Amino acid sequence: EPYCNGTQNRSRVIQKPAAYGGAGCGALSEMRTCANFCMDCQLSSWSDWTSCSLTCAGGLRQRSRNEVFVQRKKVMPNEESETNGERQNEENMASLLETGEGSAAFGYEKKLGVRCDLEHQQTKDGAGQTPDEAEGACSADHNCGGLYDKGCNGWLTICTVGLMLEAEADSCAYVKKEIGDGQPCTGDIFESEDCSSELCPVDCKHSDWTQWTECNPFCQGVMNRSRKILEHPANGGAACGTIAEVQNCSNACVDCQWGSWGTWSSCSVSCGGSTQHRSRVQLVPQAGRGLPCEG
């Protein structure tokens, strides 16, 4: 006592005391150190935090750790008891599962991201028990080597002895371990916390551009188009661009051009008054919105 690393006592009584020079009585009690097979749970270091599920407006990140059972070291007070105790330790600290003596004290190493292999899944449709109930059933069954929880949602599957662990995302495995009177695990093996709580950036939103206006002046001028701001930027979002554009433009315009006047015709009479004529031709006809010929 204590069970894992402690002492054993024995005693005797004097049935007939020594007399007339006879051999004296020896010690009435003896004590020796002792040890039994015990495994204590140790939690591994936390994994790194996962990336945040969202980049802004509040997401979640997660981390996990595993449970590992480690055999408790023997404690010996002195060299003599250590020499004797090593033999005692070798005898008493052998696994009770291996010696077939049975044990009422089991622990379960909880591991994330793994499952037991299909060959060793005894109840493939799920045991349908809570983790505590399933662990109790597994501890009472010498053929049970652990539990498998698909999706880590509490739907337990019994796995037989000799199971192999295989990777399976988001699942859990509970590996049965004999721990004697060792310490079970306490504390969570999975944590989550809020992250990226800052507001999301809002980019500026524009309407579509209007159609270009007609070139003004038509022949050689400028044309315009515009758009509206539908949503102004916020929280570091992309700024708004220009809402008006102007560009040069031109259209095909040809002004009408006259040729030179011809010579006057001869007067039809020598006196009394008459008229003379002359003419000209269009060298370049008007086109597009060019100036028409006048005259």
C-alpha atoms as a PDB file:
ATOM      1  CA  GLU A   1       0.000   0.000   0.000  1.00  0.00           C
ATOM      2  CA  PRO A   2      -0.145   2.224  -2.009  1.00  0.00           C
ATOM      3  CA  TYR A   3      -0.873  -0.292  -4.754  1.00  0.00           C
ATOM      4  CA  CYS A   4       1.486   0.972  -7.447  1.00  0.00           C
ATOM      5  CA  ASN A   5       4.570   1.684  -5.319  1.00  0.00           C
ATOM      6  CA  GLY A   6       4.269   0.890  -1.663  1.00  0.00           C
ATOM      7  CA  THR A   7       5.176  -1.520   1.106  1.00  0.00           C
ATOM      8  CA  GLN A   8       4.128  -4.959   2.291  1.00  0.00           C
ATOM      9  CA  ASN A   9       4.022  -5.963   5.943  1.00  0.00           C
ATOM     10  CA  ARG A  10       3.912  -9.220   7.841  1.00  0.00           C
ATOM     11  CA  SER A  11       3.959 -10.045  11.517  1.00  0.00           C
ATOM     12  CA  ARG A  12       4.122 -12.922  13.930  1.00  0.00           C
ATOM     13  CA  VAL A  13       3.485 -13.477  17.601  1.00  0.00           C
ATOM     14  CA  ILE A  14       5.664 -15.020  20.285  1.00  0.00           C
ATOM     15  CA  GLN A  15       4.239 -18.345  21.206  1.00  0.00           C
ATOM     16  CA  LYS A  16       6.944 -19.231  23.736  1.00  0.00           C
ATOM     17  CA  PRO A  17       9.445 -16.732  25.041  1.00  0.00           C
ATOM     18  CA  ALA A  18      13.097 -17.718  25.442  1.00  0.00           C
ATOM     19  CA  ALA A  19      14.196 -19.049  28.843  1.00  0.00           C
ATOM     20  CA  TYR A  20      17.296 -20.380  30.600  1.00  0.00           C
ATOM     21  CA  GLY A  21      19.686 -19.006  27.969  1.00  0.00           C
ATOM     22  CA  GLY A  22      17.719 -20.177  24.961  1.00  0.00           C
ATOM     23  CA  ALA A  23      17.777 -18.352  21.619  1.00  0.00           C
ATOM     24  CA  GLY A  24      16.099 -15.004  21.755  1.00  0.00           C
ATOM     25  CA  CYS A  25      13.025 -14.099  19.756  1.00  0.00           C
ATOM     26  CA  GLY A  26      13.496 -12.290  16.510  1.00  0.00           C
ATOM     27  CA  ALA A  27      11.585  -9.349  15.078  1.00  0.00           C
ATOM     28  CA  LEU A  28       7.839  -9.581  15.315  1.00  0.00           C
ATOM     29  CA  SER A  29       7.197  -7.629  12.096  1.00  0.00           C
ATOM     30  CA  GLU A  30       8.810  -7.107   8.708  1.00  0.00           C
ATOM     31  CA  MET A  31       8.244  -4.623   5.938  1.00  0.00           C
ATOM     32  CA  ARG A  32       9.463  -4.599   2.340  1.00  0.00           C
ATOM     33  CA  THR A  33       8.921  -2.390  -0.659  1.00  0.00           C
ATOM     34  CA  CYS A  34       6.683  -3.576  -3.445  1.00  0.00           C
ATOM     35  CA  ALA A  35       5.375  -2.463  -6.808  1.00  0.00           C
ATOM     36  CA  ASN A  36       2.491  -3.436  -9.055  1.00  0.00           C
ATOM     37  CA  PHE A  37       1.851  -2.831 -12.720  1.00  0.00           C
ATOM     38  CA  CYS A  38       0.427   0.697 -12.990  1.00  0.00           C
ATOM     39  CA  MET A  39       0.180   3.053 -15.930  1.00  0.00           C
ATOM     40  CA  ASP A  40      -0.537   6.738 -15.584  1.00  0.00           C
ATOM     41  CA  CYS A  41      -2.087   8.843 -18.285  1.00  0.00           C
ATOM     42  CA  GLN A  42      -0.011  11.621 -19.767  1.00  0.00           C
ATOM     43  CA  LEU A  43      -1.314  14.185 -22.198  1.00  0.00           C
ATOM     44  CA  SER A  44       0.825  14.946 -25.220  1.00  0.00           C
ATOM     45  CA  SER A  45       1.673  18.510 -26.162  1.00  0.00           C
ATOM     46  CA  TRP A  46      -1.003  20.441 -27.979  1.00  0.00           C
ATOM     47  CA  SER A  47      -0.809  20.400 -31.744  1.00  0.00           C
ATOM     48  CA  ASP A  48      -0.469  23.691 -33.581  1.00  0.00           C
ATOM     49  CA  TRP A  49      -3.667  25.638 -34.058  1.00  0.00           C
ATOM     50  CA  THR A  50      -5.391  24.957 -37.355  1.00  0.00           C
ATOM     51  CA  SER A  51      -5.965  27.810 -39.766  1.00  0.00           C
ATOM     52  CA  CYS A  52      -8.977  29.917 -38.923  1.00  0.00           C
ATOM     53  CA  SER A  53     -12.134  28.709 -40.648  1.00  0.00           C
ATOM     54  CA  LEU A  54     -12.853  32.272 -41.795  1.00  0.00           C
ATOM     55  CA  THR A  55     -10.544  35.149 -42.629  1.00  0.00           C
ATOM     56  CA  CYS A  56     -12.798  37.764 -41.016  1.00  0.00           C
ATOM     57  CA  ALA A  57     -16.102  38.315 -39.188  1.00  0.00           C
ATOM     58  CA  GLY A  58     -15.457  35.513 -36.671  1.00  0.00           C
ATOM     59  CA  GLY A  59     -14.269  31.971 -37.347  1.00  0.00           C
ATOM     60  CA  LEU A  60     -12.937  29.036 -35.340  1.00  0.00           C
ATOM     61  CA  ARG A  61      -9.552  27.415 -35.022  1.00  0.00           C
ATOM     62  CA  GLN A  62      -8.818  24.118 -33.325  1.00  0.00           C
ATOM     63  CA  ARG A  63      -6.023  22.116 -31.755  1.00  0.00           C
ATOM     64  CA  SER A  64      -5.792  18.651 -30.246  1.00  0.00           C
ATOM     65  CA  ARG A  65      -3.598  16.372 -28.180  1.00  0.00           C
ATOM     66  CA  ASN A  66      -3.475  12.648 -27.441  1.00  0.00           C
ATOM     67  CA  GLU A  67      -3.694  10.590 -24.289  1.00  0.00           C
ATOM     68  CA  VAL A  68      -0.751   8.242 -23.691  1.00  0.00           C
ATOM     69  CA  PHE A  69      -0.461   5.777 -20.806  1.00  0.00           C
ATOM     70  CA  VAL A  70       3.064   5.448 -19.396  1.00  0.00           C
ATOM     71  CA  GLN A  71       4.182   2.748 -16.969  1.00  0.00           C
ATOM     72  CA  ARG A  72       4.824   4.211 -13.538  1.00  0.00           C
ATOM     73  CA  LYS A  73       8.439   3.949 -12.402  1.00  0.00           C
ATOM     74  CA  LYS A  74       9.202   1.991  -9.282  1.00  0.00           C
ATOM     75  CA  VAL A  75      10.370   3.852  -6.190  1.00  0.00           C
ATOM     76  CA  MET A  76      12.960   2.140  -4.007  1.00  0.00           C
ATOM     77  CA  PRO A  77      14.269   3.724  -0.788  1.00  0.00           C
ATOM     78  CA  ASN A  78      17.758   2.108  -0.661  1.00  0.00           C
ATOM     79  CA  GLU A  79      20.192  -0.129  -2.512  1.00  0.00           C
ATOM     80  CA  GLU A  80      19.282  -3.319  -0.610  1.00  0.00           C
ATOM     81  CA  SER A  81      15.573  -2.925  -1.139  1.00  0.00           C
ATOM     82  CA  GLU A  82      16.248  -1.904  -4.733  1.00  0.00           C
ATOM     83  CA  THR A  83      18.112  -5.150  -5.407  1.00  0.00           C
ATOM     84  CA  ASN A  84      15.356  -7.215  -3.867  1.00  0.00           C
ATOM     85  CA  GLY A  85      12.735  -4.921  -5.291  1.00  0.00           C
ATOM     86  CA  GLU A  86      13.886  -5.287  -8.864  1.00  0.00           C
ATOM     87  CA  ARG A  87      12.986  -8.948  -8.762  1.00  0.00           C
ATOM     88  CA  GLN A  88       9.720  -8.090  -7.049  1.00  0.00           C
ATOM     89  CA  ASN A  89       9.128  -5.399  -9.654  1.00  0.00           C
ATOM     90  CA  GLU A  90       9.774  -7.786 -12.537  1.00  0.00           C
ATOM     91  CA  GLU A  91       7.281 -10.217 -11.072  1.00  0.00           C
ATOM     92  CA  ASN A  92       4.589  -7.774 -10.019  1.00  0.00           C
ATOM     93  CA  MET A  93       4.780  -5.241 -12.861  1.00  0.00           C
ATOM     94  CA  ALA A  94       4.209  -7.696 -15.708  1.00  0.00           C
ATOM     95  CA  SER A  95       1.003  -6.887 -17.537  1.00  0.00           C
ATOM     96  CA  LEU A  96      -1.951  -8.721 -16.032  1.00  0.00           C
ATOM     97  CA  LEU A  97      -3.386  -8.954 -19.536  1.00  0.00           C
ATOM     98  CA  GLU A  98      -0.311 -10.886 -20.622  1.00  0.00           C
ATOM     99  CA  THR A  99      -0.371 -13.234 -17.640  1.00  0.00           C
ATOM    100  CA  GLY A 100      -4.078 -13.836 -18.117  1.00  0.00           C
ATOM    101  CA  GLU A 101      -4.970 -12.986 -14.517  1.00  0.00           C
ATOM    102  CA  GLY A 102      -7.510 -10.347 -15.543  1.00  0.00           C
ATOM    103  CA  SER A 103      -7.754  -6.827 -14.270  1.00  0.00           C
ATOM    104  CA  ALA A 104     -10.595  -4.555 -13.269  1.00  0.00           C
ATOM    105  CA  ALA A 105      -8.670  -1.323 -13.950  1.00  0.00           C
ATOM    106  CA  PHE A 106      -8.475  -0.183 -17.561  1.00  0.00           C
ATOM    107  CA  GLY A 107      -7.851   3.130 -19.210  1.00  0.00           C
ATOM    108  CA  TYR A 108      -8.402   4.290 -22.775  1.00  0.00           C
ATOM    109  CA  GLU A 109      -5.920   6.261 -24.833  1.00  0.00           C
ATOM    110  CA  LYS A 110      -7.949   8.729 -26.812  1.00  0.00           C
ATOM    111  CA  LYS A 111      -6.524   9.587 -30.218  1.00  0.00           C
ATOM    112  CA  LEU A 112      -7.890  11.960 -32.845  1.00  0.00           C
ATOM    113  CA  GLY A 113      -7.858  11.475 -36.600  1.00  0.00           C
ATOM    114  CA  VAL A 114      -7.640   7.660 -36.513  1.00  0.00           C
ATOM    115  CA  ARG A 115      -9.894   4.584 -36.507  1.00  0.00           C
ATOM    116  CA  CYS A 116      -9.415   0.881 -35.889  1.00  0.00           C
ATOM    117  CA  ASP A 117      -9.050  -1.166 -39.069  1.00  0.00           C
ATOM    118  CA  LEU A 118     -12.153  -2.675 -40.682  1.00  0.00           C
ATOM    119  CA  GLU A 119     -11.055  -6.241 -39.936  1.00  0.00           C
ATOM    120  CA  HIS A 120     -11.224  -5.592 -36.187  1.00  0.00           C
ATOM    121  CA  GLN A 121     -14.477  -3.615 -36.103  1.00  0.00           C
ATOM    122  CA  GLN A 122     -16.838  -5.973 -34.271  1.00  0.00           C
ATOM    123  CA  THR A 123     -20.052  -3.923 -34.510  1.00  0.00           C
ATOM    124  CA  LYS A 124     -19.826  -2.154 -37.834  1.00  0.00           C
ATOM    125  CA  ASP A 125     -23.217  -0.479 -37.392  1.00  0.00           C
ATOM    126  CA  GLY A 126     -22.120   1.126 -34.137  1.00  0.00           C
ATOM    127  CA  ALA A 127     -22.531   0.080 -30.512  1.00  0.00           C
ATOM    128  CA  GLY A 128     -24.906   2.975 -29.960  1.00  0.00           C
ATOM    129  CA  GLN A 129     -23.593   3.635 -26.446  1.00  0.00           C
ATOM    130  CA  THR A 130     -22.205   6.684 -24.716  1.00  0.00           C
ATOM    131  CA  PRO A 131     -18.391   6.684 -24.330  1.00  0.00           C
ATOM    132  CA  ASP A 132     -18.670   5.820 -20.602  1.00  0.00           C
ATOM    133  CA  GLU A 133     -21.032   2.910 -21.264  1.00  0.00           C
ATOM    134  CA  ALA A 134     -18.954   1.648 -24.175  1.00  0.00           C
ATOM    135  CA  GLU A 135     -15.755   1.799 -22.122  1.00  0.00           C
ATOM    136  CA  GLY A 136     -17.457  -0.168 -19.342  1.00  0.00           C
ATOM    137  CA  ALA A 137     -18.581  -2.822 -21.834  1.00  0.00           C
ATOM    138  CA  CYS A 138     -15.117  -2.993 -23.390  1.00  0.00           C
ATOM    139  CA  SER A 139     -13.418  -3.319 -19.981  1.00  0.00           C
ATOM    140  CA  ALA A 140     -15.651  -6.289 -19.158  1.00  0.00           C
ATOM    141  CA  ASP A 141     -14.889  -8.021 -22.482  1.00  0.00           C
ATOM    142  CA  HIS A 142     -11.426  -9.585 -22.745  1.00  0.00           C
ATOM    143  CA  ASN A 143     -11.821  -9.687 -26.554  1.00  0.00           C
ATOM    144  CA  CYS A 144     -12.300  -5.909 -26.759  1.00  0.00           C
ATOM    145  CA  GLY A 145      -9.161  -3.992 -27.642  1.00  0.00           C
ATOM    146  CA  GLY A 146     -10.658  -0.531 -27.986  1.00  0.00           C
ATOM    147  CA  LEU A 147     -13.391   1.657 -29.426  1.00  0.00           C
ATOM    148  CA  TYR A 148     -13.878   3.580 -32.655  1.00  0.00           C
ATOM    149  CA  ASP A 149     -15.985   6.740 -32.871  1.00  0.00           C
ATOM    150  CA  LYS A 150     -16.664   7.739 -36.471  1.00  0.00           C
ATOM    151  CA  GLY A 151     -16.880  11.512 -36.696  1.00  0.00           C
ATOM    152  CA  CYS A 152     -16.227  11.843 -32.931  1.00  0.00           C
ATOM    153  CA  ASN A 153     -19.986  12.119 -32.401  1.00  0.00           C
ATOM    154  CA  GLY A 154     -20.441   9.483 -29.693  1.00  0.00           C
ATOM    155  CA  TRP A 155     -21.541   6.599 -31.971  1.00  0.00           C
ATOM    156  CA  LEU A 156     -19.149   3.941 -30.669  1.00  0.00           C
ATOM    157  CA  THR A 157     -17.959   0.823 -32.474  1.00  0.00           C
ATOM    158  CA  ILE A 158     -16.337  -2.064 -30.556  1.00  0.00           C
ATOM    159  CA  CYS A 159     -12.906  -3.100 -31.861  1.00  0.00           C
ATOM    160  CA  THR A 160     -11.382  -6.484 -31.054  1.00  0.00           C
ATOM    161  CA  VAL A 161      -7.912  -7.196 -29.631  1.00  0.00           C
ATOM    162  CA  GLY A 162      -5.113  -6.788 -32.178  1.00  0.00           C
ATOM    163  CA  LEU A 163      -6.667  -3.731 -33.808  1.00  0.00           C
ATOM    164  CA  MET A 164      -4.553  -1.541 -36.074  1.00  0.00           C
ATOM    165  CA  LEU A 165      -4.982   2.231 -36.142  1.00  0.00           C
ATOM    166  CA  GLU A 166      -5.596   3.839 -39.526  1.00  0.00           C
ATOM    167  CA  ALA A 167      -5.855   7.519 -40.393  1.00  0.00           C
ATOM    168  CA  GLU A 168      -9.390   8.841 -40.774  1.00  0.00           C
ATOM    169  CA  ALA A 169     -10.074  12.565 -40.604  1.00  0.00           C
ATOM    170  CA  ASP A 170     -12.443  13.815 -37.896  1.00  0.00           C
ATOM    171  CA  SER A 171     -12.719  10.396 -36.209  1.00  0.00           C
ATOM    172  CA  CYS A 172     -11.573   9.183 -32.773  1.00  0.00           C
ATOM    173  CA  ALA A 173     -10.149   5.950 -31.396  1.00  0.00           C
ATOM    174  CA  TYR A 174     -10.053   4.739 -27.785  1.00  0.00           C
ATOM    175  CA  VAL A 175      -7.244   2.207 -27.282  1.00  0.00           C
ATOM    176  CA  LYS A 176      -7.803  -0.042 -24.260  1.00  0.00           C
ATOM    177  CA  LYS A 177      -4.916  -0.093 -21.793  1.00  0.00           C
ATOM    178  CA  GLU A 178      -4.538  -1.887 -18.508  1.00  0.00           C
ATOM    179  CA  ILE A 179      -3.529   0.744 -15.979  1.00  0.00           C
ATOM    180  CA  GLY A 180      -3.809  -1.120 -12.666  1.00  0.00           C
ATOM    181  CA  ASP A 181      -4.322   1.579 -10.066  1.00  0.00           C
ATOM    182  CA  GLY A 182      -2.773   4.221 -12.285  1.00  0.00           C
ATOM    183  CA  GLN A 183      -4.132   7.689 -12.871  1.00  0.00           C
ATOM    184  CA  PRO A 184      -6.642   8.183 -15.690  1.00  0.00           C
ATOM    185  CA  CYS A 185      -6.493  11.212 -17.943  1.00  0.00           C
ATOM    186  CA  THR A 186      -8.178  14.439 -17.022  1.00  0.00           C
ATOM    187  CA  GLY A 187      -8.583  17.421 -19.304  1.00  0.00           C
ATOM    188  CA  ASP A 188      -9.788  17.884 -22.830  1.00  0.00           C
ATOM    189  CA  ILE A 189      -7.937  16.557 -25.860  1.00  0.00           C
ATOM    190  CA  PHE A 190      -9.688  18.977 -28.191  1.00  0.00           C
ATOM    191  CA  GLU A 191      -9.974  22.755 -28.006  1.00  0.00           C
ATOM    192  CA  SER A 192     -11.443  25.423 -30.205  1.00  0.00           C
ATOM    193  CA  GLU A 193     -11.403  29.191 -29.966  1.00  0.00           C
ATOM    194  CA  ASP A 194     -12.686  32.200 -31.826  1.00  0.00           C
ATOM    195  CA  CYS A 195     -10.425  33.820 -34.389  1.00  0.00           C
ATOM    196  CA  SER A 196     -10.446  36.480 -37.122  1.00  0.00           C
ATOM    197  CA  SER A 197     -12.982  38.570 -35.236  1.00  0.00           C
ATOM    198  CA  GLU A 198     -12.206  41.762 -37.157  1.00  0.00           C
ATOM    199  CA  LEU A 199     -14.819  43.031 -39.587  1.00  0.00           C
ATOM    200  CA  CYS A 200     -14.506  41.938 -43.194  1.00  0.00           C
ATOM    201  CA  PRO A 201     -13.355  44.574 -45.694  1.00  0.00           C
ATOM    202  CA  VAL A 202     -16.071  45.913 -47.981  1.00  0.00           C
ATOM    203  CA  ASP A 203     -14.964  46.828 -51.490  1.00  0.00           C
ATOM    204  CA  CYS A 204     -16.485  49.726 -53.368  1.00  0.00           C
ATOM    205  CA  LYS A 205     -19.245  48.678 -55.763  1.00  0.00           C
ATOM    206  CA  HIS A 206     -20.054  50.584 -58.957  1.00  0.00           C
ATOM    207  CA  SER A 207     -22.937  50.467 -61.341  1.00  0.00           C
ATOM    208  CA  ASP A 208     -22.194  49.564 -64.949  1.00  0.00           C
ATOM    209  CA  TRP A 209     -20.857  52.322 -67.204  1.00  0.00           C
ATOM    210  CA  THR A 210     -23.421  54.207 -69.224  1.00  0.00           C
ATOM    211  CA  GLN A 211     -23.140  54.204 -73.014  1.00  0.00           C
ATOM    212  CA  TRP A 212     -20.763  56.780 -74.531  1.00  0.00           C
ATOM    213  CA  THR A 213     -22.459  60.029 -75.439  1.00  0.00           C
ATOM    214  CA  GLU A 214     -22.472  61.218 -79.034  1.00  0.00           C
ATOM    215  CA  CYS A 215     -19.291  62.951 -80.142  1.00  0.00           C
ATOM    216  CA  ASN A 216     -19.631  66.702 -79.567  1.00  0.00           C
ATOM    217  CA  PRO A 217     -18.916  68.488 -81.808  1.00  0.00           C
ATOM    218  CA  PHE A 218     -19.799  65.623 -84.092  1.00  0.00           C
ATOM    219  CA  CYS A 219     -16.927  65.924 -86.511  1.00  0.00           C
ATOM    220  CA  GLN A 220     -14.091  66.427 -84.027  1.00  0.00           C
ATOM    221  CA  GLY A 221     -14.884  66.551 -80.307  1.00  0.00           C
ATOM    222  CA  VAL A 222     -15.220  64.532 -77.127  1.00  0.00           C
ATOM    223  CA  MET A 223     -17.636  61.936 -75.751  1.00  0.00           C
ATOM    224  CA  ASN A 224     -18.478  61.070 -72.139  1.00  0.00           C
ATOM    225  CA  ARG A 225     -19.692  58.172 -70.036  1.00  0.00           C
ATOM    226  CA  SER A 226     -20.377  57.786 -66.276  1.00  0.00           C
ATOM    227  CA  ARG A 227     -21.296  55.337 -63.525  1.00  0.00           C
ATOM    228  CA  LYS A 228     -22.610  55.533 -59.958  1.00  0.00           C
ATOM    229  CA  ILE A 229     -21.223  54.343 -56.627  1.00  0.00           C
ATOM    230  CA  LEU A 230     -23.574  51.692 -55.280  1.00  0.00           C
ATOM    231  CA  GLU A 231     -21.640  50.911 -52.068  1.00  0.00           C
ATOM    232  CA  HIS A 232     -18.818  52.856 -50.480  1.00  0.00           C
ATOM    233  CA  PRO A 233     -15.733  50.963 -49.189  1.00  0.00           C
ATOM    234  CA  ALA A 234     -15.356  50.072 -45.503  1.00  0.00           C
ATOM    235  CA  ASN A 235     -12.872  48.334 -43.175  1.00  0.00           C
ATOM    236  CA  GLY A 236      -9.973  48.713 -45.593  1.00  0.00           C
ATOM    237  CA  GLY A 237     -11.841  47.525 -48.677  1.00  0.00           C
ATOM    238  CA  ALA A 238     -10.866  48.494 -52.225  1.00  0.00           C
ATOM    239  CA  ALA A 239     -11.391  52.193 -52.959  1.00  0.00           C
ATOM    240  CA  CYS A 240     -13.802  53.461 -55.573  1.00  0.00           C
ATOM    241  CA  GLY A 241     -12.541  54.222 -59.043  1.00  0.00           C
ATOM    242  CA  THR A 242     -13.417  57.164 -61.270  1.00  0.00           C
ATOM    243  CA  ILE A 243     -17.103  57.721 -61.942  1.00  0.00           C
ATOM    244  CA  ALA A 244     -16.684  59.743 -65.179  1.00  0.00           C
ATOM    245  CA  GLU A 245     -14.576  59.316 -68.304  1.00  0.00           C
ATOM    246  CA  VAL A 246     -13.964  61.584 -71.308  1.00  0.00           C
ATOM    247  CA  GLN A 247     -12.225  60.699 -74.550  1.00  0.00           C
ATOM    248  CA  ASN A 248     -11.571  62.359 -77.861  1.00  0.00           C
ATOM    249  CA  CYS A 249     -13.632  61.340 -80.865  1.00  0.00           C
ATOM    250  CA  SER A 250     -14.128  62.141 -84.554  1.00  0.00           C
ATOM    251  CA  ASN A 251     -16.553  61.273 -87.317  1.00  0.00           C
ATOM    252  CA  ALA A 252     -16.324  61.388 -91.108  1.00  0.00           C
ATOM    253  CA  CYS A 253     -17.280  64.960 -92.094  1.00  0.00           C
ATOM    254  CA  VAL A 254     -16.676  66.438 -95.602  1.00  0.00           C
ATOM    255  CA  ASP A 255     -17.505  70.045 -96.393  1.00  0.00           C
ATOM    256  CA  CYS A 256     -18.847  70.831 -99.805  1.00  0.00           C
ATOM    257  CA  GLN A 257     -16.349  72.681-102.024  1.00  0.00           C
ATOM    258  CA  TRP A 258     -17.073  74.786-105.152  1.00  0.00           C
ATOM    259  CA  GLY A 259     -14.837  75.035-108.118  1.00  0.00           C
ATOM    260  CA  SER A 260     -13.829  78.418-109.537  1.00  0.00           C
ATOM    261  CA  TRP A 261     -16.327  80.436-111.542  1.00  0.00           C
ATOM    262  CA  GLY A 262     -16.151  80.124-115.287  1.00  0.00           C
ATOM    263  CA  THR A 263     -15.910  83.155-117.603  1.00  0.00           C
ATOM    264  CA  TRP A 264     -18.952  85.287-118.348  1.00  0.00           C
ATOM    265  CA  SER A 265     -20.884  84.485-121.484  1.00  0.00           C
ATOM    266  CA  SER A 266     -21.093  87.063-124.322  1.00  0.00           C
ATOM    267  CA  CYS A 267     -23.898  89.561-124.032  1.00  0.00           C
ATOM    268  CA  SER A 268     -26.782  88.600-126.297  1.00  0.00           C
ATOM    269  CA  VAL A 269     -27.433  92.185-127.493  1.00  0.00           C
ATOM    270  CA  SER A 270     -25.224  95.112-128.171  1.00  0.00           C
ATOM    271  CA  CYS A 271     -27.558  97.635-126.578  1.00  0.00           C
ATOM    272  CA  GLY A 272     -30.809  97.900-124.760  1.00  0.00           C
ATOM    273  CA  GLY A 273     -29.799  95.591-121.899  1.00  0.00           C
ATOM    274  CA  SER A 274     -29.501  91.848-121.544  1.00  0.00           C
ATOM    275  CA  THR A 275     -27.845  89.270-119.212  1.00  0.00           C
ATOM    276  CA  GLN A 276     -24.630  87.378-119.122  1.00  0.00           C
ATOM    277  CA  HIS A 277     -24.052  83.986-117.400  1.00  0.00           C
ATOM    278  CA  ARG A 278     -21.249  82.147-115.770  1.00  0.00           C
ATOM    279  CA  SER A 279     -21.150  78.818-113.762  1.00  0.00           C
ATOM    280  CA  ARG A 280     -19.099  76.704-111.435  1.00  0.00           C
ATOM    281  CA  VAL A 281     -19.106  73.042-110.409  1.00  0.00           C
ATOM    282  CA  GLN A 282     -18.956  71.167-107.051  1.00  0.00           C
ATOM    283  CA  LEU A 283     -15.487  69.857-106.690  1.00  0.00           C
ATOM    284  CA  VAL A 284     -16.202  68.007-103.407  1.00  0.00           C
ATOM    285  CA  PRO A 285     -19.765  67.030-102.442  1.00  0.00           C
ATOM    286  CA  GLN A 286     -20.898  67.369 -98.796  1.00  0.00           C
ATOM    287  CA  ALA A 287     -20.731  64.130 -96.734  1.00  0.00           C
ATOM    288  CA  GLY A 288     -21.647  63.160 -93.169  1.00  0.00           C
ATOM    289  CA  ARG A 289     -22.227  66.320 -91.211  1.00  0.00           C
ATOM    290  CA  GLY A 290     -19.905  68.459 -93.313  1.00  0.00           C
ATOM    291  CA  LEU A 291     -20.959  71.955 -94.366  1.00  0.00           C
ATOM    292  CA  PRO A 292     -23.205  72.025 -97.436  1.00  0.00           C
ATOM    293  CA  CYS A 293     -22.379  74.118-100.473  1.00  0.00           C
ATOM    294  CA  GLU A 294     -24.147  77.432-100.474  1.00  0.00           C
ATOM    295  CA  GLY A 295     -24.879  79.599-103.527  1.00  0.00           C
END
